[in-house]
Amino acid sequence: MKDTTNINIPRVLLGGIAAGVIVFISNGIVNGAILSSDFQNWAAGMGSLLHPPEQSISMSLWALMCLIHGIAGVWLYAGMRPRFGAGAKTALLAGFFLWTVCKFTASFDFIALGILPGKIITGQIIGSFVGILIGVFVGALLYKEE
């Protein structure tokens, strides 16, 4: 009988990197293209209240966040496979769980603190939902038990 309790860490990392790249690209499309003017208007209104790091540092932090999300999503998928079975349904469930815990609930912070306008939060919630689900799905395709 095959042991399904061990997670193939190298394949989690491979799938997680692929998922992270997809999440990073989707975040770039959402924030850099779709919501760009909204961000610019918001930043102009905030004036000297904003103190972001240099763009290279910001991009590095976003890339790291996306990589962590990708690896976590594929790791969740690998852990869920023995219970829910391998395949698209389990991958999408893992992505949905990751999105709920990391992005959807974080939006409550932004809303409660009044940090970002509702249109930007809504765009990020929708964009991250699509990006994370696609990313974890693709990462799960690369995951193998052996």
N, C-alpha and C. Protein backbone atom coordinates (compact mmCIF):
# COMPACT_ATOMS: atom_id res chain seq x y z
N MET A 1 0.84 -1.18 0.00
CA MET A 1 0.00 0.00 0.00
C MET A 1 0.88 1.25 0.00
N LYS A 2 0.52 2.21 -0.83
CA LYS A 2 1.31 3.44 -0.96
C LYS A 2 1.09 4.34 0.26
N ASP A 3 2.19 4.90 0.76
CA ASP A 3 2.12 5.83 1.90
C ASP A 3 1.73 7.21 1.39
N THR A 4 0.57 7.69 1.80
CA THR A 4 0.09 9.00 1.35
C THR A 4 0.25 10.06 2.44
N THR A 5 1.02 9.75 3.47
CA THR A 5 1.18 10.72 4.56
C THR A 5 2.35 11.66 4.34
N ASN A 6 3.27 11.30 3.46
CA ASN A 6 4.44 12.15 3.23
C ASN A 6 4.18 13.10 2.08
N ILE A 7 4.54 14.35 2.30
CA ILE A 7 4.41 15.37 1.27
C ILE A 7 5.74 15.48 0.54
N ASN A 8 5.69 15.52 -0.77
CA ASN A 8 6.87 15.64 -1.62
C ASN A 8 7.30 17.11 -1.65
N ILE A 9 8.19 17.47 -0.75
CA ILE A 9 8.59 18.87 -0.58
C ILE A 9 9.21 19.47 -1.85
N PRO A 10 10.10 18.76 -2.56
CA PRO A 10 10.62 19.37 -3.79
C PRO A 10 9.52 19.71 -4.80
N ARG A 11 8.49 18.86 -4.89
CA ARG A 11 7.39 19.14 -5.82
C ARG A 11 6.49 20.27 -5.29
N VAL A 12 6.37 20.38 -3.97
CA VAL A 12 5.64 21.53 -3.40
C VAL A 12 6.37 22.81 -3.77
N LEU A 13 7.69 22.81 -3.66
CA LEU A 13 8.46 24.00 -4.00
C LEU A 13 8.36 24.32 -5.49
N LEU A 14 8.45 23.29 -6.35
CA LEU A 14 8.32 23.50 -7.79
C LEU A 14 6.94 24.07 -8.14
N GLY A 15 5.90 23.42 -7.66
CA GLY A 15 4.54 23.90 -7.92
C GLY A 15 4.30 25.25 -7.26
N GLY A 16 4.86 25.45 -6.07
CA GLY A 16 4.69 26.70 -5.35
C GLY A 16 5.35 27.87 -6.05
N ILE A 17 6.50 27.64 -6.63
CA ILE A 17 7.17 28.71 -7.38
C ILE A 17 6.34 29.08 -8.61
N ALA A 18 5.85 28.06 -9.32
CA ALA A 18 5.00 28.33 -10.48
C ALA A 18 3.74 29.09 -10.05
N ALA A 19 3.12 28.65 -8.98
CA ALA A 19 1.92 29.33 -8.47
C ALA A 19 2.26 30.77 -8.07
N GLY A 20 3.38 30.95 -7.40
CA GLY A 20 3.80 32.29 -6.96
C GLY A 20 4.02 33.24 -8.12
N VAL A 21 4.60 32.73 -9.20
CA VAL A 21 4.82 33.57 -10.40
C VAL A 21 3.48 33.99 -10.98
N ILE A 22 2.54 33.07 -11.05
CA ILE A 22 1.21 33.39 -11.58
C ILE A 22 0.51 34.42 -10.70
N VAL A 23 0.60 34.24 -9.38
CA VAL A 23 -0.02 35.20 -8.46
C VAL A 23 0.64 36.57 -8.61
N PHE A 24 1.96 36.60 -8.74
CA PHE A 24 2.69 37.86 -8.90
C PHE A 24 2.25 38.58 -10.18
N ILE A 25 2.15 37.83 -11.27
CA ILE A 25 1.74 38.43 -12.54
C ILE A 25 0.30 38.94 -12.45
N SER A 26 -0.58 38.15 -11.86
CA SER A 26 -1.98 38.60 -11.75
C SER A 26 -2.09 39.83 -10.86
N ASN A 27 -1.31 39.87 -9.77
CA ASN A 27 -1.30 41.07 -8.92
C ASN A 27 -0.78 42.28 -9.69
N GLY A 28 0.23 42.07 -10.51
CA GLY A 28 0.77 43.15 -11.32
C GLY A 28 -0.25 43.69 -12.30
N ILE A 29 -1.03 42.79 -12.91
CA ILE A 29 -2.06 43.22 -13.86
C ILE A 29 -3.14 44.00 -13.13
N VAL A 30 -3.59 43.47 -12.00
CA VAL A 30 -4.65 44.13 -11.24
C VAL A 30 -4.19 45.48 -10.71
N ASN A 31 -3.06 45.51 -10.01
CA ASN A 31 -2.60 46.74 -9.37
C ASN A 31 -1.93 47.71 -10.33
N GLY A 32 -1.16 47.18 -11.28
CA GLY A 32 -0.39 48.03 -12.17
C GLY A 32 -1.13 48.50 -13.39
N ALA A 33 -2.19 47.80 -13.78
CA ALA A 33 -2.93 48.19 -14.98
C ALA A 33 -4.37 48.56 -14.65
N ILE A 34 -5.11 47.64 -14.09
CA ILE A 34 -6.53 47.87 -13.86
C ILE A 34 -6.78 48.94 -12.80
N LEU A 35 -6.06 48.87 -11.68
CA LEU A 35 -6.29 49.81 -10.57
C LEU A 35 -5.28 50.95 -10.51
N SER A 36 -4.44 51.06 -11.52
CA SER A 36 -3.34 52.03 -11.49
C SER A 36 -3.81 53.46 -11.23
N SER A 37 -4.81 53.92 -11.97
CA SER A 37 -5.25 55.31 -11.78
C SER A 37 -5.90 55.50 -10.41
N ASP A 38 -6.59 54.48 -9.93
CA ASP A 38 -7.17 54.57 -8.58
C ASP A 38 -6.07 54.68 -7.52
N PHE A 39 -5.01 53.89 -7.68
CA PHE A 39 -3.89 53.98 -6.74
C PHE A 39 -3.22 55.35 -6.83
N GLN A 40 -3.03 55.87 -8.02
CA GLN A 40 -2.38 57.17 -8.19
C GLN A 40 -3.21 58.28 -7.55
N ASN A 41 -4.51 58.24 -7.78
CA ASN A 41 -5.39 59.25 -7.16
C ASN A 41 -5.37 59.15 -5.64
N TRP A 42 -5.41 57.95 -5.14
CA TRP A 42 -5.39 57.73 -3.69
C TRP A 42 -4.07 58.23 -3.11
N ALA A 43 -2.96 57.86 -3.75
CA ALA A 43 -1.63 58.27 -3.26
C ALA A 43 -1.49 59.79 -3.29
N ALA A 44 -1.99 60.42 -4.34
CA ALA A 44 -1.92 61.88 -4.42
C ALA A 44 -2.72 62.53 -3.30
N GLY A 45 -3.85 61.96 -2.97
CA GLY A 45 -4.68 62.48 -1.89
C GLY A 45 -4.05 62.27 -0.52
N MET A 46 -3.25 61.21 -0.39
CA MET A 46 -2.61 60.92 0.89
C MET A 46 -1.40 61.81 1.12
N GLY A 47 -0.79 62.28 0.04
CA GLY A 47 0.34 63.21 0.15
C GLY A 47 1.47 62.69 1.01
N SER A 48 1.86 63.51 1.99
CA SER A 48 3.02 63.18 2.83
C SER A 48 2.71 62.13 3.89
N LEU A 49 1.48 61.65 3.94
CA LEU A 49 1.15 60.62 4.92
C LEU A 49 1.69 59.25 4.53
N LEU A 50 1.97 59.06 3.25
CA LEU A 50 2.51 57.79 2.77
C LEU A 50 4.03 57.80 2.82
N HIS A 51 4.60 56.70 3.25
CA HIS A 51 6.06 56.57 3.32
C HIS A 51 6.47 55.19 2.79
N PRO A 52 6.17 54.91 1.52
CA PRO A 52 6.53 53.59 0.98
C PRO A 52 8.05 53.48 0.81
N PRO A 53 8.56 52.25 0.84
CA PRO A 53 9.99 52.05 0.57
C PRO A 53 10.27 52.28 -0.92
N GLU A 54 11.52 52.19 -1.30
CA GLU A 54 11.89 52.32 -2.71
C GLU A 54 11.15 51.24 -3.50
N GLN A 55 10.92 51.52 -4.79
CA GLN A 55 10.15 50.60 -5.62
C GLN A 55 10.78 49.21 -5.66
N SER A 56 12.10 49.11 -5.70
CA SER A 56 12.75 47.80 -5.75
C SER A 56 12.46 47.00 -4.48
N ILE A 57 12.39 47.67 -3.35
CA ILE A 57 12.08 46.99 -2.09
C ILE A 57 10.61 46.57 -2.09
N SER A 58 9.72 47.45 -2.53
CA SER A 58 8.30 47.10 -2.62
C SER A 58 8.09 45.89 -3.52
N MET A 59 8.72 45.89 -4.69
CA MET A 59 8.57 44.77 -5.63
C MET A 59 9.11 43.48 -5.02
N SER A 60 10.22 43.59 -4.31
CA SER A 60 10.79 42.40 -3.66
C SER A 60 9.85 41.84 -2.59
N LEU A 61 9.24 42.73 -1.83
CA LEU A 61 8.30 42.29 -0.80
C LEU A 61 7.06 41.65 -1.42
N TRP A 62 6.54 42.23 -2.51
CA TRP A 62 5.39 41.64 -3.19
C TRP A 62 5.75 40.29 -3.80
N ALA A 63 6.95 40.19 -4.37
CA ALA A 63 7.38 38.91 -4.95
C ALA A 63 7.50 37.85 -3.86
N LEU A 64 8.05 38.22 -2.71
CA LEU A 64 8.17 37.28 -1.60
C LEU A 64 6.79 36.85 -1.10
N MET A 65 5.87 37.81 -0.99
CA MET A 65 4.52 37.49 -0.55
C MET A 65 3.87 36.49 -1.52
N CYS A 66 4.01 36.74 -2.82
CA CYS A 66 3.41 35.86 -3.82
C CYS A 66 4.05 34.47 -3.79
N LEU A 67 5.36 34.43 -3.60
CA LEU A 67 6.05 33.14 -3.49
C LEU A 67 5.55 32.36 -2.27
N ILE A 68 5.40 33.02 -1.16
CA ILE A 68 4.89 32.37 0.05
C ILE A 68 3.46 31.89 -0.19
N HIS A 69 2.63 32.71 -0.82
CA HIS A 69 1.26 32.29 -1.13
C HIS A 69 1.27 31.07 -2.04
N GLY A 70 2.11 31.09 -3.06
CA GLY A 70 2.18 29.95 -3.98
C GLY A 70 2.60 28.66 -3.30
N ILE A 71 3.66 28.73 -2.51
CA ILE A 71 4.13 27.53 -1.81
C ILE A 71 3.10 27.06 -0.80
N ALA A 72 2.51 27.99 -0.06
CA ALA A 72 1.49 27.61 0.92
C ALA A 72 0.28 26.96 0.24
N GLY A 73 -0.13 27.50 -0.91
CA GLY A 73 -1.27 26.93 -1.62
C GLY A 73 -1.02 25.52 -2.10
N VAL A 74 0.16 25.27 -2.65
CA VAL A 74 0.48 23.92 -3.13
C VAL A 74 0.70 22.98 -1.95
N TRP A 75 1.27 23.47 -0.88
CA TRP A 75 1.42 22.65 0.34
C TRP A 75 0.04 22.27 0.89
N LEU A 76 -0.89 23.22 0.91
CA LEU A 76 -2.26 22.90 1.33
C LEU A 76 -2.87 21.83 0.42
N TYR A 77 -2.68 22.00 -0.88
CA TYR A 77 -3.19 21.01 -1.83
C TYR A 77 -2.61 19.63 -1.54
N ALA A 78 -1.30 19.57 -1.34
CA ALA A 78 -0.65 18.28 -1.07
C ALA A 78 -1.19 17.65 0.21
N GLY A 79 -1.43 18.47 1.22
CA GLY A 79 -1.98 17.96 2.47
C GLY A 79 -3.43 17.52 2.35
N MET A 80 -4.17 18.14 1.45
CA MET A 80 -5.59 17.83 1.27
C MET A 80 -5.82 16.63 0.35
N ARG A 81 -4.87 16.30 -0.49
CA ARG A 81 -5.03 15.23 -1.47
C ARG A 81 -5.47 13.90 -0.87
N PRO A 82 -4.87 13.44 0.22
CA PRO A 82 -5.29 12.14 0.75
C PRO A 82 -6.76 12.13 1.20
N ARG A 83 -7.27 13.24 1.63
CA ARG A 83 -8.65 13.31 2.13
C ARG A 83 -9.65 13.62 1.02
N PHE A 84 -9.30 14.55 0.12
CA PHE A 84 -10.24 15.01 -0.89
C PHE A 84 -9.95 14.47 -2.28
N GLY A 85 -8.81 13.82 -2.46
CA GLY A 85 -8.43 13.29 -3.76
C GLY A 85 -7.65 14.30 -4.57
N ALA A 86 -6.85 13.77 -5.50
CA ALA A 86 -6.06 14.62 -6.37
C ALA A 86 -6.96 15.22 -7.44
N GLY A 87 -6.62 16.41 -7.88
CA GLY A 87 -7.35 16.98 -8.99
C GLY A 87 -7.75 18.43 -8.81
N ALA A 88 -8.50 18.90 -9.81
CA ALA A 88 -8.88 20.31 -9.88
C ALA A 88 -9.73 20.76 -8.69
N LYS A 89 -10.68 19.93 -8.28
CA LYS A 89 -11.56 20.33 -7.19
C LYS A 89 -10.77 20.60 -5.91
N THR A 90 -9.85 19.72 -5.60
CA THR A 90 -9.03 19.89 -4.39
C THR A 90 -8.10 21.08 -4.53
N ALA A 91 -7.53 21.28 -5.72
CA ALA A 91 -6.65 22.43 -5.95
C ALA A 91 -7.41 23.74 -5.77
N LEU A 92 -8.61 23.81 -6.33
CA LEU A 92 -9.41 25.03 -6.19
C LEU A 92 -9.87 25.24 -4.76
N LEU A 93 -10.15 24.17 -4.05
CA LEU A 93 -10.51 24.28 -2.64
C LEU A 93 -9.33 24.80 -1.82
N ALA A 94 -8.13 24.29 -2.10
CA ALA A 94 -6.93 24.77 -1.41
C ALA A 94 -6.70 26.25 -1.73
N GLY A 95 -6.87 26.64 -2.99
CA GLY A 95 -6.72 28.04 -3.38
C GLY A 95 -7.75 28.93 -2.71
N PHE A 96 -8.99 28.45 -2.64
CA PHE A 96 -10.05 29.22 -1.99
C PHE A 96 -9.73 29.42 -0.51
N PHE A 97 -9.25 28.37 0.16
CA PHE A 97 -8.90 28.47 1.57
C PHE A 97 -7.76 29.47 1.76
N LEU A 98 -6.74 29.37 0.93
CA LEU A 98 -5.61 30.30 1.01
C LEU A 98 -6.07 31.74 0.80
N TRP A 99 -6.87 31.97 -0.22
CA TRP A 99 -7.39 33.31 -0.50
C TRP A 99 -8.21 33.84 0.67
N THR A 100 -9.05 33.00 1.23
CA THR A 100 -9.89 33.42 2.35
C THR A 100 -9.05 33.86 3.54
N VAL A 101 -8.05 33.06 3.87
CA VAL A 101 -7.22 33.34 5.05
C VAL A 101 -6.26 34.50 4.81
N CYS A 102 -5.69 34.58 3.62
CA CYS A 102 -4.65 35.59 3.37
C CYS A 102 -5.15 36.91 2.80
N LYS A 103 -6.11 36.86 1.93
CA LYS A 103 -6.52 38.08 1.22
C LYS A 103 -7.87 38.61 1.69
N PHE A 104 -8.87 37.76 1.69
CA PHE A 104 -10.21 38.20 2.04
C PHE A 104 -10.25 38.76 3.46
N THR A 105 -9.70 38.03 4.41
CA THR A 105 -9.73 38.51 5.80
C THR A 105 -8.82 39.73 5.99
N ALA A 106 -7.73 39.83 5.23
CA ALA A 106 -6.86 41.01 5.35
C ALA A 106 -7.59 42.27 4.90
N SER A 107 -8.53 42.10 3.99
CA SER A 107 -9.29 43.27 3.54
C SER A 107 -10.12 43.87 4.67
N PHE A 108 -10.51 43.06 5.64
CA PHE A 108 -11.24 43.59 6.79
C PHE A 108 -10.39 44.60 7.56
N ASP A 109 -9.09 44.33 7.66
CA ASP A 109 -8.15 45.26 8.29
C ASP A 109 -8.15 46.60 7.54
N PHE A 110 -8.00 46.52 6.22
CA PHE A 110 -7.94 47.74 5.42
C PHE A 110 -9.23 48.55 5.52
N ILE A 111 -10.35 47.86 5.55
CA ILE A 111 -11.64 48.54 5.67
C ILE A 111 -11.78 49.16 7.06
N ALA A 112 -11.48 48.38 8.09
CA ALA A 112 -11.64 48.85 9.47
C ALA A 112 -10.73 50.03 9.78
N LEU A 113 -9.54 50.04 9.21
CA LEU A 113 -8.59 51.12 9.47
C LEU A 113 -8.73 52.27 8.47
N GLY A 114 -9.53 52.08 7.45
CA GLY A 114 -9.70 53.13 6.45
C GLY A 114 -8.44 53.38 5.64
N ILE A 115 -7.65 52.34 5.45
CA ILE A 115 -6.35 52.51 4.78
C ILE A 115 -6.50 52.71 3.28
N LEU A 116 -7.36 51.92 2.65
CA LEU A 116 -7.53 51.99 1.20
C LEU A 116 -8.98 52.25 0.85
N PRO A 117 -9.23 52.90 -0.28
CA PRO A 117 -10.61 53.10 -0.73
C PRO A 117 -11.26 51.77 -1.10
N GLY A 118 -12.57 51.73 -0.98
CA GLY A 118 -13.33 50.51 -1.25
C GLY A 118 -13.13 49.95 -2.65
N LYS A 119 -13.01 50.83 -3.65
CA LYS A 119 -12.82 50.36 -5.02
C LYS A 119 -11.50 49.59 -5.16
N ILE A 120 -10.45 50.07 -4.52
CA ILE A 120 -9.16 49.38 -4.59
C ILE A 120 -9.24 48.05 -3.85
N ILE A 121 -9.84 48.04 -2.69
CA ILE A 121 -9.98 46.80 -1.92
C ILE A 121 -10.78 45.78 -2.70
N THR A 122 -11.89 46.21 -3.28
CA THR A 122 -12.73 45.31 -4.05
C THR A 122 -11.96 44.74 -5.24
N GLY A 123 -11.24 45.60 -5.95
CA GLY A 123 -10.43 45.14 -7.08
C GLY A 123 -9.37 44.14 -6.67
N GLN A 124 -8.73 44.40 -5.55
CA GLN A 124 -7.71 43.48 -5.07
C GLN A 124 -8.31 42.15 -4.62
N ILE A 125 -9.46 42.20 -3.98
CA ILE A 125 -10.10 40.96 -3.54
C ILE A 125 -10.47 40.09 -4.75
N ILE A 126 -11.07 40.71 -5.75
CA ILE A 126 -11.47 39.96 -6.94
C ILE A 126 -10.25 39.47 -7.71
N GLY A 127 -9.29 40.36 -7.93
CA GLY A 127 -8.08 39.99 -8.66
C GLY A 127 -7.28 38.90 -7.97
N SER A 128 -7.14 39.00 -6.66
CA SER A 128 -6.38 37.98 -5.94
C SER A 128 -7.12 36.65 -5.91
N PHE A 129 -8.44 36.69 -5.90
CA PHE A 129 -9.23 35.46 -5.96
C PHE A 129 -8.91 34.69 -7.24
N VAL A 130 -8.95 35.39 -8.35
CA VAL A 130 -8.67 34.75 -9.64
C VAL A 130 -7.22 34.29 -9.70
N GLY A 131 -6.29 35.17 -9.32
CA GLY A 131 -4.87 34.84 -9.39
C GLY A 131 -4.48 33.67 -8.51
N ILE A 132 -4.97 33.65 -7.29
CA ILE A 132 -4.61 32.57 -6.38
C ILE A 132 -5.22 31.25 -6.84
N LEU A 133 -6.48 31.27 -7.27
CA LEU A 133 -7.08 30.02 -7.73
C LEU A 133 -6.35 29.46 -8.95
N ILE A 134 -6.03 30.31 -9.91
CA ILE A 134 -5.30 29.84 -11.09
C ILE A 134 -3.89 29.38 -10.69
N GLY A 135 -3.23 30.17 -9.85
CA GLY A 135 -1.87 29.81 -9.42
C GLY A 135 -1.81 28.48 -8.70
N VAL A 136 -2.69 28.26 -7.73
CA VAL A 136 -2.69 26.99 -6.99
C VAL A 136 -3.08 25.84 -7.92
N PHE A 137 -4.01 26.07 -8.83
CA PHE A 137 -4.40 25.04 -9.78
C PHE A 137 -3.19 24.60 -10.62
N VAL A 138 -2.46 25.56 -11.17
CA VAL A 138 -1.28 25.24 -11.99
C VAL A 138 -0.21 24.58 -11.12
N GLY A 139 0.01 25.12 -9.93
CA GLY A 139 0.99 24.51 -9.02
C GLY A 139 0.63 23.08 -8.68
N ALA A 140 -0.66 22.82 -8.50
CA ALA A 140 -1.13 21.46 -8.18
C ALA A 140 -0.89 20.51 -9.36
N LEU A 141 -0.97 21.02 -10.57
CA LEU A 141 -0.68 20.18 -11.74
C LEU A 141 0.76 19.69 -11.71
N LEU A 142 1.65 20.48 -11.14
CA LEU A 142 3.07 20.10 -11.09
C LEU A 142 3.39 19.22 -9.88
N TYR A 143 2.47 19.12 -8.94
CA TYR A 143 2.72 18.33 -7.73
C TYR A 143 2.48 16.85 -8.00
N LYS A 144 3.41 16.03 -7.58
CA LYS A 144 3.30 14.57 -7.66
C LYS A 144 3.74 13.99 -6.32
N GLU A 145 3.10 12.92 -5.92
CA GLU A 145 3.44 12.28 -4.65
C GLU A 145 4.83 11.63 -4.68
N GLU A 146 5.19 11.01 -5.80
CA GLU A 146 6.48 10.30 -5.88
C GLU A 146 7.59 11.26 -6.20
